[in-house]
Protein backbone atom coordinates (compact mmCIF):
# COMPACT_ATOMS: atom_id res chain seq x y z
CA UNK A 1 88.95 93.88 190.86
CA UNK A 2 91.93 94.76 188.66
CA UNK A 3 95.36 94.24 190.15
CA UNK A 4 97.53 97.23 190.90
CA UNK A 5 100.54 97.46 188.56
CA UNK A 6 103.54 99.74 188.26
CA UNK A 7 102.80 102.45 185.71
CA UNK A 8 106.26 102.13 184.17
CA UNK A 9 107.34 98.47 184.29
CA UNK A 10 103.89 96.86 184.69
CA UNK A 11 105.07 94.79 187.67
CA UNK A 12 102.13 93.49 189.72
CA UNK A 13 101.98 95.05 193.17
CA UNK A 14 100.65 93.12 196.13
CA UNK A 15 97.52 94.75 197.62
CA UNK A 16 99.19 95.46 200.98
CA UNK A 17 102.70 96.11 199.64
CA UNK A 18 104.29 99.53 199.88
CA UNK A 19 104.39 101.37 196.61
CA UNK A 20 105.01 104.91 195.45
CA UNK A 21 102.31 107.03 193.87
CA UNK A 22 102.33 110.43 192.30
CA UNK A 23 101.72 112.79 195.21
CA UNK A 24 99.92 115.27 192.97
CA UNK A 25 97.45 113.26 190.87
CA UNK A 26 97.50 109.88 192.68
CA UNK A 27 96.71 108.29 189.29
CA UNK A 28 100.10 106.69 188.72
CA UNK A 29 101.65 104.10 191.03
CA UNK A 30 105.16 102.72 190.96
CA UNK A 31 106.96 99.71 192.39
CA UNK A 32 110.05 101.79 193.20
CA UNK A 33 111.48 105.29 193.35
CA UNK A 34 113.59 104.37 190.31
CA UNK A 35 110.47 103.67 188.20
CA UNK A 36 108.83 106.87 189.44
CA UNK A 37 111.90 108.95 188.54
CA UNK A 38 112.25 107.29 185.14
CA UNK A 39 108.59 107.97 184.31
CA UNK A 40 108.56 111.61 185.47
CA UNK A 41 109.50 113.15 182.11
CA UNK A 42 106.49 111.49 180.49
CA UNK A 43 104.12 111.63 183.47
CA UNK A 44 104.51 115.38 183.98
CA UNK A 45 102.86 115.91 180.58
CA UNK A 46 99.55 114.50 181.85
CA UNK A 47 99.76 114.78 185.65
CA UNK A 48 97.69 117.96 186.01
CA UNK A 49 95.18 116.66 183.48
CA UNK A 50 94.83 113.39 185.44
CA UNK A 51 94.07 115.28 188.63
CA UNK A 52 91.53 117.63 187.03
CA UNK A 53 89.89 114.86 185.00
CA UNK A 54 89.41 112.46 187.91
CA UNK A 55 88.01 115.27 190.06
CA UNK A 56 85.46 116.26 187.41
CA UNK A 57 84.79 112.75 186.06
CA UNK A 58 85.02 110.06 188.75
CA UNK A 59 85.62 106.50 187.51
CA UNK A 60 82.19 105.12 186.53
CA UNK A 61 83.13 101.57 187.58
CA UNK A 62 86.19 99.45 188.34
CA UNK A 63 85.79 97.94 184.85
CA UNK A 64 86.78 101.28 183.30
CA UNK A 65 90.37 102.11 182.39
CA UNK A 66 91.70 105.64 182.06
CA UNK A 67 92.66 106.11 178.40
CA UNK A 68 94.91 108.76 176.92
CA UNK A 69 94.06 109.86 173.39
CA UNK A 70 96.53 111.82 171.30
CA UNK A 71 94.49 113.77 168.73
CA UNK A 72 96.42 114.51 165.54
CA UNK A 73 95.02 118.03 165.24
CA UNK A 74 95.48 119.11 168.88
CA UNK A 75 98.46 119.95 171.07
CA UNK A 76 97.26 118.27 174.26
CA UNK A 77 96.24 114.70 175.04
CA UNK A 78 92.60 113.94 175.88
CA UNK A 79 91.49 111.67 178.72
CA UNK A 80 88.45 109.41 178.82
CA UNK A 81 87.14 106.47 180.82
CA UNK A 82 87.18 103.43 178.57
CA UNK A 83 84.69 100.69 179.52
CA UNK A 84 86.15 97.18 179.27
CA UNK A 85 85.06 93.67 180.02
CA UNK A 86 87.22 90.79 181.11
CA UNK A 87 87.73 87.97 178.61
CA UNK A 88 86.85 84.45 179.77
CA UNK A 89 89.92 82.37 180.48
CA UNK A 90 92.22 85.32 181.19
CA UNK A 91 93.16 86.21 184.73
CA UNK A 92 94.92 89.47 183.89
CA UNK A 93 92.70 92.56 183.58
CA UNK A 94 95.21 93.96 181.07
CA UNK A 95 93.76 91.53 178.52
CA UNK A 96 90.35 93.14 178.83
CA UNK A 97 88.40 93.76 175.68
CA UNK A 98 87.22 97.26 174.87
CA UNK A 99 83.43 97.33 174.81
């Protein structure tokens, strides 16, 4: 299972450690209030979309990552589940290869 990491600083969070998450979408987690506050200006652009997307399109598997696409010809970002597979020899899920 992928490790939980701070959305802003990418710090690994222990499974039972206290962390902050966006109270609205629950899609972003933070290691501290400072990281959450620093990310708010960016996060608020996709927060409502995260909530609506995950409600309508549940994660197909834990191997999928939520991807944000920024279409050149559109005003709003698009969200999609991106299937990945873990590379042999790497312990960090962030090094996963896009399938």
